[in-house]
Amino acid sequence: MSGIEEAVSGHAADLQPPHGYTGNKEAYLRRLKRIEGQVRGIARMVDEDKYCIDILTQVAAVTKALHAVSLGLVEEHIGHCVVGAASEPDPAARADAIDAKVKEAADAIGRLLR
């Protein structure tokens, strides 16, 4: 590949987001900061000897919020990474790439369900 071709292909690679969530990164960060605040609130509740059921209610809310973030990331992975693997021009490499990305998603889902 010539220097110009390398520069053009390198620039094209820069235009594609490296991860599926990149386009929504700020939204994910806002959600995670909100969750972080909720966790600090739970710690404060424990420190202040609040009623255990009230603390558990807040833990459940944080858990649900984290699951929502996780599901969004799984969806982004499938929509970007798995679909990206399907665009591999070499059929043999395409099948391997798809299998690898689907396995990554399945493993991540398995970890979420434990």
PDB file of N, CA and C in Angstrom:
ATOM      1  N   MET A   1       0.842  -1.163   0.000  1.00  0.00           N
ATOM      2  CA  MET A   1       0.000   0.000   0.000  1.00  0.00           C
ATOM      3  C   MET A   1       0.893   1.233   0.000  1.00  0.00           C
ATOM      4  N   SER A   2       0.543   2.228  -0.805  1.00  0.00           N
ATOM      5  CA  SER A   2       1.340   3.452  -0.850  1.00  0.00           C
ATOM      6  C   SER A   2       1.060   4.298   0.384  1.00  0.00           C
ATOM      7  N   GLY A   3       1.869   5.298   0.604  1.00  0.00           N
ATOM      8  CA  GLY A   3       1.690   6.201   1.736  1.00  0.00           C
ATOM      9  C   GLY A   3       0.348   6.905   1.694  1.00  0.00           C
ATOM     10  N   ILE A   4      -0.084   7.280   0.482  1.00  0.00           N
ATOM     11  CA  ILE A   4      -1.379   7.958   0.335  1.00  0.00           C
ATOM     12  C   ILE A   4      -2.513   7.006   0.680  1.00  0.00           C
ATOM     13  N   GLU A   5      -2.435   5.765   0.172  1.00  0.00           N
ATOM     14  CA  GLU A   5      -3.480   4.782   0.477  1.00  0.00           C
ATOM     15  C   GLU A   5      -3.554   4.515   1.973  1.00  0.00           C
ATOM     16  N   GLU A   6      -2.387   4.425   2.621  1.00  0.00           N
ATOM     17  CA  GLU A   6      -2.372   4.207   4.071  1.00  0.00           C
ATOM     18  C   GLU A   6      -3.007   5.378   4.802  1.00  0.00           C
ATOM     19  N   ALA A   7      -2.692   6.590   4.355  1.00  0.00           N
ATOM     20  CA  ALA A   7      -3.260   7.778   4.994  1.00  0.00           C
ATOM     21  C   ALA A   7      -4.769   7.820   4.819  1.00  0.00           C
ATOM     22  N   VAL A   8      -5.245   7.490   3.612  1.00  0.00           N
ATOM     23  CA  VAL A   8      -6.684   7.512   3.348  1.00  0.00           C
ATOM     24  C   VAL A   8      -7.383   6.427   4.146  1.00  0.00           C
ATOM     25  N   SER A   9      -6.845   5.207   4.157  1.00  0.00           N
ATOM     26  CA  SER A   9      -7.491   4.128   4.908  1.00  0.00           C
ATOM     27  C   SER A   9      -7.412   4.402   6.401  1.00  0.00           C
ATOM     28  N   GLY A  10      -6.321   4.969   6.865  1.00  0.00           N
ATOM     29  CA  GLY A  10      -6.210   5.325   8.277  1.00  0.00           C
ATOM     30  C   GLY A  10      -7.212   6.393   8.649  1.00  0.00           C
ATOM     31  N   HIS A  11      -7.418   7.380   7.755  1.00  0.00           N
ATOM     32  CA  HIS A  11      -8.389   8.436   8.009  1.00  0.00           C
ATOM     33  C   HIS A  11      -9.806   7.877   8.000  1.00  0.00           C
ATOM     34  N   ALA A  12     -10.099   6.972   7.100  1.00  0.00           N
ATOM     35  CA  ALA A  12     -11.423   6.356   7.050  1.00  0.00           C
ATOM     36  C   ALA A  12     -11.701   5.579   8.324  1.00  0.00           C
ATOM     37  N   ALA A  13     -10.672   4.921   8.852  1.00  0.00           N
ATOM     38  CA  ALA A  13     -10.849   4.182  10.101  1.00  0.00           C
ATOM     39  C   ALA A  13     -11.141   5.137  11.252  1.00  0.00           C
ATOM     40  N   ASP A  14     -10.559   6.346  11.203  1.00  0.00           N
ATOM     41  CA  ASP A  14     -10.815   7.335  12.240  1.00  0.00           C
ATOM     42  C   ASP A  14     -12.257   7.821  12.213  1.00  0.00           C
ATOM     43  N   LEU A  15     -12.907   7.788  11.053  1.00  0.00           N
ATOM     44  CA  LEU A  15     -14.268   8.281  10.939  1.00  0.00           C
ATOM     45  C   LEU A  15     -15.281   7.319  11.553  1.00  0.00           C
ATOM     46  N   GLN A  16     -14.983   6.042  11.573  1.00  0.00           N
ATOM     47  CA  GLN A  16     -15.886   5.057  12.158  1.00  0.00           C
ATOM     48  C   GLN A  16     -15.637   4.992  13.656  1.00  0.00           C
ATOM     49  N   PRO A  17     -16.715   5.102  14.453  1.00  0.00           N
ATOM     50  CA  PRO A  17     -16.516   5.013  15.900  1.00  0.00           C
ATOM     51  C   PRO A  17     -15.892   3.669  16.274  1.00  0.00           C
ATOM     52  N   PRO A  18     -14.949   3.670  17.228  1.00  0.00           N
ATOM     53  CA  PRO A  18     -14.281   2.429  17.597  1.00  0.00           C
ATOM     54  C   PRO A  18     -15.190   1.452  18.336  1.00  0.00           C
ATOM     55  N   HIS A  19     -16.238   1.961  18.983  1.00  0.00           N
ATOM     56  CA  HIS A  19     -17.147   1.097  19.730  1.00  0.00           C
ATOM     57  C   HIS A  19     -18.578   1.514  19.418  1.00  0.00           C
ATOM     58  N   GLY A  20     -19.492   0.577  19.545  1.00  0.00           N
ATOM     59  CA  GLY A  20     -20.881   0.863  19.231  1.00  0.00           C
ATOM     60  C   GLY A  20     -21.483   1.939  20.106  1.00  0.00           C
ATOM     61  N   TYR A  21     -21.034   2.060  21.339  1.00  0.00           N
ATOM     62  CA  TYR A  21     -21.617   3.030  22.256  1.00  0.00           C
ATOM     63  C   TYR A  21     -21.061   4.444  22.073  1.00  0.00           C
ATOM     64  N   THR A  22     -20.039   4.608  21.247  1.00  0.00           N
ATOM     65  CA  THR A  22     -19.355   5.890  21.128  1.00  0.00           C
ATOM     66  C   THR A  22     -20.313   7.034  20.800  1.00  0.00           C
ATOM     67  N   GLY A  23     -21.277   6.785  19.942  1.00  0.00           N
ATOM     68  CA  GLY A  23     -22.237   7.827  19.588  1.00  0.00           C
ATOM     69  C   GLY A  23     -23.109   8.254  20.756  1.00  0.00           C
ATOM     70  N   ASN A  24     -23.273   7.392  21.739  1.00  0.00           N
ATOM     71  CA  ASN A  24     -24.097   7.675  22.919  1.00  0.00           C
ATOM     72  C   ASN A  24     -23.265   7.791  24.189  1.00  0.00           C
ATOM     73  N   LYS A  25     -21.982   8.001  24.028  1.00  0.00           N
ATOM     74  CA  LYS A  25     -21.057   8.004  25.165  1.00  0.00           C
ATOM     75  C   LYS A  25     -21.472   9.001  26.243  1.00  0.00           C
ATOM     76  N   GLU A  26     -21.829  10.209  25.845  1.00  0.00           N
ATOM     77  CA  GLU A  26     -22.200  11.231  26.827  1.00  0.00           C
ATOM     78  C   GLU A  26     -23.439  10.811  27.610  1.00  0.00           C
ATOM     79  N   ALA A  27     -24.408  10.206  26.939  1.00  0.00           N
ATOM     80  CA  ALA A  27     -25.618   9.738  27.630  1.00  0.00           C
ATOM     81  C   ALA A  27     -25.270   8.636  28.623  1.00  0.00           C
ATOM     82  N   TYR A  28     -24.401   7.713  28.224  1.00  0.00           N
ATOM     83  CA  TYR A  28     -23.969   6.657  29.147  1.00  0.00           C
ATOM     84  C   TYR A  28     -23.243   7.248  30.351  1.00  0.00           C
ATOM     85  N   LEU A  29     -22.375   8.212  30.108  1.00  0.00           N
ATOM     86  CA  LEU A  29     -21.640   8.834  31.206  1.00  0.00           C
ATOM     87  C   LEU A  29     -22.588   9.557  32.170  1.00  0.00           C
ATOM     88  N   ARG A  30     -23.600  10.249  31.617  1.00  0.00           N
ATOM     89  CA  ARG A  30     -24.578  10.912  32.492  1.00  0.00           C
ATOM     90  C   ARG A  30     -25.323   9.897  33.351  1.00  0.00           C
ATOM     91  N   ARG A  31     -25.742   8.800  32.724  1.00  0.00           N
ATOM     92  CA  ARG A  31     -26.452   7.763  33.476  1.00  0.00           C
ATOM     93  C   ARG A  31     -25.569   7.167  34.561  1.00  0.00           C
ATOM     94  N   LEU A  32     -24.316   6.892  34.220  1.00  0.00           N
ATOM     95  CA  LEU A  32     -23.403   6.306  35.201  1.00  0.00           C
ATOM     96  C   LEU A  32     -23.100   7.273  36.347  1.00  0.00           C
ATOM     97  N   LYS A  33     -23.013   8.556  36.050  1.00  0.00           N
ATOM     98  CA  LYS A  33     -22.793   9.532  37.122  1.00  0.00           C
ATOM     99  C   LYS A  33     -24.017   9.617  38.035  1.00  0.00           C
ATOM    100  N   ARG A  34     -25.199   9.501  37.451  1.00  0.00           N
ATOM    101  CA  ARG A  34     -26.418   9.495  38.265  1.00  0.00           C
ATOM    102  C   ARG A  34     -26.430   8.260  39.166  1.00  0.00           C
ATOM    103  N   ILE A  35     -26.050   7.119  38.610  1.00  0.00           N
ATOM    104  CA  ILE A  35     -25.975   5.881  39.400  1.00  0.00           C
ATOM    105  C   ILE A  35     -24.929   6.023  40.506  1.00  0.00           C
ATOM    106  N   GLU A  36     -23.804   6.632  40.166  1.00  0.00           N
ATOM    107  CA  GLU A  36     -22.755   6.861  41.167  1.00  0.00           C
ATOM    108  C   GLU A  36     -23.310   7.683  42.339  1.00  0.00           C
ATOM    109  N   GLY A  37     -24.113   8.692  42.028  1.00  0.00           N
ATOM    110  CA  GLY A  37     -24.735   9.496  43.079  1.00  0.00           C
ATOM    111  C   GLY A  37     -25.695   8.675  43.927  1.00  0.00           C
ATOM    112  N   GLN A  38     -26.430   7.773  43.266  1.00  0.00           N
ATOM    113  CA  GLN A  38     -27.333   6.897  44.016  1.00  0.00           C
ATOM    114  C   GLN A  38     -26.543   6.000  44.979  1.00  0.00           C
ATOM    115  N   VAL A  39     -25.418   5.470  44.517  1.00  0.00           N
ATOM    116  CA  VAL A  39     -24.600   4.600  45.366  1.00  0.00           C
ATOM    117  C   VAL A  39     -24.060   5.394  46.556  1.00  0.00           C
ATOM    118  N   ARG A  40     -23.632   6.627  46.321  1.00  0.00           N
ATOM    119  CA  ARG A  40     -23.175   7.459  47.437  1.00  0.00           C
ATOM    120  C   ARG A  40     -24.314   7.682  48.434  1.00  0.00           C
ATOM    121  N   GLY A  41     -25.530   7.861  47.908  1.00  0.00           N
ATOM    122  CA  GLY A  41     -26.690   8.028  48.774  1.00  0.00           C
ATOM    123  C   GLY A  41     -26.937   6.795  49.630  1.00  0.00           C
ATOM    124  N   ILE A  42     -26.742   5.633  49.048  1.00  0.00           N
ATOM    125  CA  ILE A  42     -26.906   4.384  49.802  1.00  0.00           C
ATOM    126  C   ILE A  42     -25.859   4.312  50.917  1.00  0.00           C
ATOM    127  N   ALA A  43     -24.630   4.665  50.600  1.00  0.00           N
ATOM    128  CA  ALA A  43     -23.573   4.652  51.621  1.00  0.00           C
ATOM    129  C   ALA A  43     -23.927   5.617  52.757  1.00  0.00           C
ATOM    130  N   ARG A  44     -24.462   6.766  52.397  1.00  0.00           N
ATOM    131  CA  ARG A  44     -24.868   7.737  53.415  1.00  0.00           C
ATOM    132  C   ARG A  44     -26.001   7.173  54.278  1.00  0.00           C
ATOM    133  N   MET A  45     -26.937   6.453  53.632  1.00  0.00           N
ATOM    134  CA  MET A  45     -28.035   5.833  54.388  1.00  0.00           C
ATOM    135  C   MET A  45     -27.497   4.832  55.401  1.00  0.00           C
ATOM    136  N   VAL A  46     -26.526   4.033  54.992  1.00  0.00           N
ATOM    137  CA  VAL A  46     -25.920   3.062  55.908  1.00  0.00           C
ATOM    138  C   VAL A  46     -25.219   3.800  57.043  1.00  0.00           C
ATOM    139  N   ASP A  47     -24.456   4.824  56.675  1.00  0.00           N
ATOM    140  CA  ASP A  47     -23.732   5.604  57.685  1.00  0.00           C
ATOM    141  C   ASP A  47     -24.688   6.227  58.700  1.00  0.00           C
ATOM    142  N   GLU A  48     -25.867   6.610  58.240  1.00  0.00           N
ATOM    143  CA  GLU A  48     -26.852   7.261  59.113  1.00  0.00           C
ATOM    144  C   GLU A  48     -27.810   6.257  59.757  1.00  0.00           C
ATOM    145  N   ASP A  49     -27.502   4.968  59.621  1.00  0.00           N
ATOM    146  CA  ASP A  49     -28.313   3.902  60.233  1.00  0.00           C
ATOM    147  C   ASP A  49     -29.787   3.960  59.824  1.00  0.00           C
ATOM    148  N   LYS A  50     -30.030   4.147  58.541  1.00  0.00           N
ATOM    149  CA  LYS A  50     -31.405   4.163  58.033  1.00  0.00           C
ATOM    150  C   LYS A  50     -31.978   2.753  58.054  1.00  0.00           C
ATOM    151  N   TYR A  51     -33.281   2.672  57.915  1.00  0.00           N
ATOM    152  CA  TYR A  51     -34.009   1.406  57.947  1.00  0.00           C
ATOM    153  C   TYR A  51     -33.545   0.495  56.800  1.00  0.00           C
ATOM    154  N   CYS A  52     -33.294  -0.771  57.105  1.00  0.00           N
ATOM    155  CA  CYS A  52     -32.699  -1.699  56.138  1.00  0.00           C
ATOM    156  C   CYS A  52     -33.549  -1.863  54.878  1.00  0.00           C
ATOM    157  N   ILE A  53     -34.857  -1.879  55.008  1.00  0.00           N
ATOM    158  CA  ILE A  53     -35.719  -2.039  53.827  1.00  0.00           C
ATOM    159  C   ILE A  53     -35.602  -0.819  52.916  1.00  0.00           C
ATOM    160  N   ASP A  54     -35.459   0.353  53.482  1.00  0.00           N
ATOM    161  CA  ASP A  54     -35.263   1.551  52.663  1.00  0.00           C
ATOM    162  C   ASP A  54     -33.945   1.475  51.892  1.00  0.00           C
ATOM    163  N   ILE A  55     -32.919   0.963  52.543  1.00  0.00           N
ATOM    164  CA  ILE A  55     -31.620   0.797  51.872  1.00  0.00           C
ATOM    165  C   ILE A  55     -31.743  -0.233  50.753  1.00  0.00           C
ATOM    166  N   LEU A  56     -32.402  -1.353  51.038  1.00  0.00           N
ATOM    167  CA  LEU A  56     -32.577  -2.387  50.013  1.00  0.00           C
ATOM    168  C   LEU A  56     -33.384  -1.870  48.820  1.00  0.00           C
ATOM    169  N   THR A  57     -34.340  -1.008  49.075  1.00  0.00           N
ATOM    170  CA  THR A  57     -35.118  -0.410  47.986  1.00  0.00           C
ATOM    171  C   THR A  57     -34.202   0.403  47.076  1.00  0.00           C
ATOM    172  N   GLN A  58     -33.292   1.148  47.671  1.00  0.00           N
ATOM    173  CA  GLN A  58     -32.352   1.946  46.875  1.00  0.00           C
ATOM    174  C   GLN A  58     -31.345   1.061  46.144  1.00  0.00           C
ATOM    175  N   VAL A  59     -30.916  -0.020  46.775  1.00  0.00           N
ATOM    176  CA  VAL A  59     -30.019  -0.977  46.108  1.00  0.00           C
ATOM    177  C   VAL A  59     -30.712  -1.563  44.883  1.00  0.00           C
ATOM    178  N   ALA A  60     -31.992  -1.900  45.023  1.00  0.00           N
ATOM    179  CA  ALA A  60     -32.748  -2.443  43.889  1.00  0.00           C
ATOM    180  C   ALA A  60     -32.828  -1.418  42.755  1.00  0.00           C
ATOM    181  N   ALA A  61     -33.014  -0.146  43.092  1.00  0.00           N
ATOM    182  CA  ALA A  61     -33.080   0.897  42.064  1.00  0.00           C
ATOM    183  C   ALA A  61     -31.752   1.027  41.322  1.00  0.00           C
ATOM    184  N   VAL A  62     -30.636   0.963  42.056  1.00  0.00           N
ATOM    185  CA  VAL A  62     -29.318   1.042  41.425  1.00  0.00           C
ATOM    186  C   VAL A  62     -29.089  -0.177  40.534  1.00  0.00           C
ATOM    187  N   THR A  63     -29.475  -1.339  41.033  1.00  0.00           N
ATOM    188  CA  THR A  63     -29.309  -2.573  40.252  1.00  0.00           C
ATOM    189  C   THR A  63     -30.093  -2.475  38.944  1.00  0.00           C
ATOM    190  N   LYS A  64     -31.316  -1.991  39.008  1.00  0.00           N
ATOM    191  CA  LYS A  64     -32.139  -1.839  37.805  1.00  0.00           C
ATOM    192  C   LYS A  64     -31.505  -0.835  36.836  1.00  0.00           C
ATOM    193  N   ALA A  65     -30.982   0.260  37.369  1.00  0.00           N
ATOM    194  CA  ALA A  65     -30.338   1.263  36.517  1.00  0.00           C
ATOM    195  C   ALA A  65     -29.097   0.690  35.834  1.00  0.00           C
ATOM    196  N   LEU A  66     -28.306  -0.091  36.563  1.00  0.00           N
ATOM    197  CA  LEU A  66     -27.125  -0.717  35.960  1.00  0.00           C
ATOM    198  C   LEU A  66     -27.517  -1.741  34.899  1.00  0.00           C
ATOM    199  N   HIS A  67     -28.597  -2.475  35.144  1.00  0.00           N
ATOM    200  CA  HIS A  67     -29.068  -3.420  34.136  1.00  0.00           C
ATOM    201  C   HIS A  67     -29.484  -2.684  32.863  1.00  0.00           C
ATOM    202  N   ALA A  68     -30.119  -1.531  33.014  1.00  0.00           N
ATOM    203  CA  ALA A  68     -30.516  -0.755  31.839  1.00  0.00           C
ATOM    204  C   ALA A  68     -29.292  -0.315  31.034  1.00  0.00           C
ATOM    205  N   VAL A  69     -28.252   0.127  31.728  1.00  0.00           N
ATOM    206  CA  VAL A  69     -27.011   0.502  31.045  1.00  0.00           C
ATOM    207  C   VAL A  69     -26.415  -0.725  30.350  1.00  0.00           C
ATOM    208  N   SER A  70     -26.397  -1.853  31.046  1.00  0.00           N
ATOM    209  CA  SER A  70     -25.837  -3.083  30.483  1.00  0.00           C
ATOM    210  C   SER A  70     -26.578  -3.513  29.228  1.00  0.00           C
ATOM    211  N   LEU A  71     -27.894  -3.475  29.284  1.00  0.00           N
ATOM    212  CA  LEU A  71     -28.683  -3.879  28.115  1.00  0.00           C
ATOM    213  C   LEU A  71     -28.444  -2.939  26.936  1.00  0.00           C
ATOM    214  N   GLY A  72     -28.300  -1.658  27.222  1.00  0.00           N
ATOM    215  CA  GLY A  72     -27.978  -0.711  26.157  1.00  0.00           C
ATOM    216  C   GLY A  72     -26.640  -1.018  25.515  1.00  0.00           C
ATOM    217  N   LEU A  73     -25.655  -1.357  26.343  1.00  0.00           N
ATOM    218  CA  LEU A  73     -24.332  -1.687  25.808  1.00  0.00           C
ATOM    219  C   LEU A  73     -24.361  -2.979  24.993  1.00  0.00           C
ATOM    220  N   VAL A  74     -25.149  -3.962  25.433  1.00  0.00           N
ATOM    221  CA  VAL A  74     -25.285  -5.203  24.659  1.00  0.00           C
ATOM    222  C   VAL A  74     -25.920  -4.895  23.305  1.00  0.00           C
ATOM    223  N   GLU A  75     -26.955  -4.075  23.330  1.00  0.00           N
ATOM    224  CA  GLU A  75     -27.618  -3.697  22.070  1.00  0.00           C
ATOM    225  C   GLU A  75     -26.652  -2.968  21.145  1.00  0.00           C
ATOM    226  N   GLU A  76     -25.861  -2.053  21.707  1.00  0.00           N
ATOM    227  CA  GLU A  76     -24.865  -1.333  20.900  1.00  0.00           C
ATOM    228  C   GLU A  76     -23.829  -2.302  20.326  1.00  0.00           C
ATOM    229  N   HIS A  77     -23.414  -3.287  21.130  1.00  0.00           N
ATOM    230  CA  HIS A  77     -22.431  -4.273  20.671  1.00  0.00           C
ATOM    231  C   HIS A  77     -22.991  -5.059  19.480  1.00  0.00           C
ATOM    232  N   ILE A  78     -24.217  -5.503  19.616  1.00  0.00           N
ATOM    233  CA  ILE A  78     -24.812  -6.286  18.530  1.00  0.00           C
ATOM    234  C   ILE A  78     -24.996  -5.416  17.290  1.00  0.00           C
ATOM    235  N   GLY A  79     -25.514  -4.209  17.484  1.00  0.00           N
ATOM    236  CA  GLY A  79     -25.781  -3.328  16.350  1.00  0.00           C
ATOM    237  C   GLY A  79     -24.540  -2.811  15.656  1.00  0.00           C
ATOM    238  N   HIS A  80     -23.445  -2.712  16.370  1.00  0.00           N
ATOM    239  CA  HIS A  80     -22.226  -2.168  15.773  1.00  0.00           C
ATOM    240  C   HIS A  80     -21.178  -3.247  15.518  1.00  0.00           C
ATOM    241  N   CYS A  81     -20.799  -3.959  16.556  1.00  0.00           N
ATOM    242  CA  CYS A  81     -19.685  -4.898  16.448  1.00  0.00           C
ATOM    243  C   CYS A  81     -20.056  -6.155  15.663  1.00  0.00           C
ATOM    244  N   VAL A  82     -21.215  -6.736  15.966  1.00  0.00           N
ATOM    245  CA  VAL A  82     -21.630  -7.944  15.241  1.00  0.00           C
ATOM    246  C   VAL A  82     -21.949  -7.602  13.797  1.00  0.00           C
ATOM    247  N   VAL A  83     -22.686  -6.504  13.595  1.00  0.00           N
ATOM    248  CA  VAL A  83     -22.997  -6.084  12.227  1.00  0.00           C
ATOM    249  C   VAL A  83     -21.716  -5.721  11.483  1.00  0.00           C
ATOM    250  N   GLY A  84     -20.775  -5.098  12.178  1.00  0.00           N
ATOM    251  CA  GLY A  84     -19.484  -4.781  11.555  1.00  0.00           C
ATOM    252  C   GLY A  84     -18.737  -6.029  11.131  1.00  0.00           C
ATOM    253  N   ALA A  85     -18.794  -7.066  11.963  1.00  0.00           N
ATOM    254  CA  ALA A  85     -18.144  -8.331  11.605  1.00  0.00           C
ATOM    255  C   ALA A  85     -18.791  -8.931  10.363  1.00  0.00           C
ATOM    256  N   ALA A  86     -20.082  -8.722  10.212  1.00  0.00           N
ATOM    257  CA  ALA A  86     -20.797  -9.266   9.048  1.00  0.00           C
ATOM    258  C   ALA A  86     -20.403  -8.556   7.755  1.00  0.00           C
ATOM    259  N   SER A  87     -19.774  -7.408   7.861  1.00  0.00           N
ATOM    260  CA  SER A  87     -19.364  -6.682   6.659  1.00  0.00           C
ATOM    261  C   SER A  87     -17.948  -7.040   6.214  1.00  0.00           C
ATOM    262  N   GLU A  88     -17.312  -7.973   6.908  1.00  0.00           N
ATOM    263  CA  GLU A  88     -15.977  -8.452   6.520  1.00  0.00           C
ATOM    264  C   GLU A  88     -16.054  -9.000   5.101  1.00  0.00           C
ATOM    265  N   PRO A  89     -15.199  -8.525   4.185  1.00  0.00           N
ATOM    266  CA  PRO A  89     -15.287  -8.956   2.789  1.00  0.00           C
ATOM    267  C   PRO A  89     -14.915 -10.428   2.547  1.00  0.00           C
ATOM    268  N   ASP A  90     -13.984 -10.969   3.311  1.00  0.00           N
ATOM    269  CA  ASP A  90     -13.555 -12.352   3.117  1.00  0.00           C
ATOM    270  C   ASP A  90     -14.558 -13.289   3.805  1.00  0.00           C
ATOM    271  N   PRO A  91     -15.227 -14.170   3.062  1.00  0.00           N
ATOM    272  CA  PRO A  91     -16.270 -15.019   3.653  1.00  0.00           C
ATOM    273  C   PRO A  91     -15.792 -15.881   4.821  1.00  0.00           C
ATOM    274  N   ALA A  92     -14.607 -16.445   4.730  1.00  0.00           N
ATOM    275  CA  ALA A  92     -14.106 -17.285   5.824  1.00  0.00           C
ATOM    276  C   ALA A  92     -13.833 -16.436   7.064  1.00  0.00           C
ATOM    277  N   ALA A  93     -13.196 -15.297   6.860  1.00  0.00           N
ATOM    278  CA  ALA A  93     -12.917 -14.391   7.970  1.00  0.00           C
ATOM    279  C   ALA A  93     -14.225 -13.829   8.528  1.00  0.00           C
ATOM    280  N   ARG A  94     -15.203 -13.585   7.654  1.00  0.00           N
ATOM    281  CA  ARG A  94     -16.498 -13.059   8.084  1.00  0.00           C
ATOM    282  C   ARG A  94     -17.166 -14.017   9.058  1.00  0.00           C
ATOM    283  N   ALA A  95     -17.209 -15.293   8.698  1.00  0.00           N
ATOM    284  CA  ALA A  95     -17.857 -16.287   9.563  1.00  0.00           C
ATOM    285  C   ALA A  95     -17.174 -16.348  10.928  1.00  0.00           C
ATOM    286  N   ASP A  96     -15.838 -16.337  10.927  1.00  0.00           N
ATOM    287  CA  ASP A  96     -15.091 -16.366  12.194  1.00  0.00           C
ATOM    288  C   ASP A  96     -15.338 -15.099  13.010  1.00  0.00           C
ATOM    289  N   ALA A  97     -15.348 -13.952  12.334  1.00  0.00           N
ATOM    290  CA  ALA A  97     -15.559 -12.682  13.024  1.00  0.00           C
ATOM    291  C   ALA A  97     -16.958 -12.616  13.636  1.00  0.00           C
ATOM    292  N   ILE A  98     -17.953 -13.052  12.881  1.00  0.00           N
ATOM    293  CA  ILE A  98     -19.328 -13.062  13.401  1.00  0.00           C
ATOM    294  C   ILE A  98     -19.421 -13.996  14.599  1.00  0.00           C
ATOM    295  N   ASP A  99     -18.871 -15.198  14.457  1.00  0.00           N
ATOM    296  CA  ASP A  99     -18.905 -16.158  15.570  1.00  0.00           C
ATOM    297  C   ASP A  99     -18.263 -15.572  16.821  1.00  0.00           C
ATOM    298  N   ALA A 100     -17.126 -14.906  16.669  1.00  0.00           N
ATOM    299  CA  ALA A 100     -16.418 -14.335  17.813  1.00  0.00           C
ATOM    300  C   ALA A 100     -17.244 -13.237  18.482  1.00  0.00           C
ATOM    301  N   LYS A 101     -17.836 -12.361  17.671  1.00  0.00           N
ATOM    302  CA  LYS A 101     -18.616 -11.255  18.233  1.00  0.00           C
ATOM    303  C   LYS A 101     -19.901 -11.750  18.886  1.00  0.00           C
ATOM    304  N   VAL A 102     -20.544 -12.740  18.297  1.00  0.00           N
ATOM    305  CA  VAL A 102     -21.757 -13.306  18.893  1.00  0.00           C
ATOM    306  C   VAL A 102     -21.407 -14.000  20.205  1.00  0.00           C
ATOM    307  N   LYS A 103     -20.278 -14.721  20.231  1.00  0.00           N
ATOM    308  CA  LYS A 103     -19.849 -15.383  21.471  1.00  0.00           C
ATOM    309  C   LYS A 103     -19.556 -14.350  22.556  1.00  0.00           C
ATOM    310  N   GLU A 104     -18.902 -13.243  22.186  1.00  0.00           N
ATOM    311  CA  GLU A 104     -18.664 -12.176  23.158  1.00  0.00           C
ATOM    312  C   GLU A 104     -19.982 -11.683  23.752  1.00  0.00           C
ATOM    313  N   ALA A 105     -20.976 -11.467  22.890  1.00  0.00           N
ATOM    314  CA  ALA A 105     -22.282 -10.983  23.354  1.00  0.00           C
ATOM    315  C   ALA A 105     -22.946 -12.019  24.251  1.00  0.00           C
ATOM    316  N   ALA A 106     -22.920 -13.273  23.843  1.00  0.00           N
ATOM    317  CA  ALA A 106     -23.545 -14.336  24.638  1.00  0.00           C
ATOM    318  C   ALA A 106     -22.859 -14.470  25.997  1.00  0.00           C
ATOM    319  N   ASP A 107     -21.539 -14.389  26.018  1.00  0.00           N
ATOM    320  CA  ASP A 107     -20.803 -14.468  27.286  1.00  0.00           C
ATOM    321  C   ASP A 107     -21.150 -13.290  28.193  1.00  0.00           C
ATOM    322  N   ALA A 108     -21.246 -12.097  27.606  1.00  0.00           N
ATOM    323  CA  ALA A 108     -21.593 -10.909  28.398  1.00  0.00           C
ATOM    324  C   ALA A 108     -22.999 -11.042  28.969  1.00  0.00           C
ATOM    325  N   ILE A 109     -23.926 -11.514  28.163  1.00  0.00           N
ATOM    326  CA  ILE A 109     -25.298 -11.718  28.636  1.00  0.00           C
ATOM    327  C   ILE A 109     -25.312 -12.748  29.757  1.00  0.00           C
ATOM    328  N   GLY A 110     -24.529 -13.807  29.604  1.00  0.00           N
ATOM    329  CA  GLY A 110     -24.424 -14.828  30.650  1.00  0.00           C
ATOM    330  C   GLY A 110     -23.915 -14.244  31.960  1.00  0.00           C
ATOM    331  N   ARG A 111     -22.929 -13.353  31.875  1.00  0.00           N
ATOM    332  CA  ARG A 111     -22.418 -12.711  33.101  1.00  0.00           C
ATOM    333  C   ARG A 111     -23.475 -11.819  33.731  1.00  0.00           C
ATOM    334  N   LEU A 112     -24.283 -11.168  32.915  1.00  0.00           N
ATOM    335  CA  LEU A 112     -25.339 -10.306  33.444  1.00  0.00           C
ATOM    336  C   LEU A 112     -26.416 -11.103  34.154  1.00  0.00           C
ATOM    337  N   LEU A 113     -26.641 -12.316  33.707  1.00  0.00           N
ATOM    338  CA  LEU A 113     -27.709 -13.131  34.272  1.00  0.00           C
ATOM    339  C   LEU A 113     -27.311 -13.887  35.547  1.00  0.00           C
ATOM    340  N   ARG A 114     -26.035 -13.931  35.846  1.00  0.00           N
ATOM    341  CA  ARG A 114     -25.573 -14.632  37.044  1.00  0.00           C
ATOM    342  C   ARG A 114     -25.881 -13.851  38.289  1.00  0.00           C
TER     343      ARG A 114
END
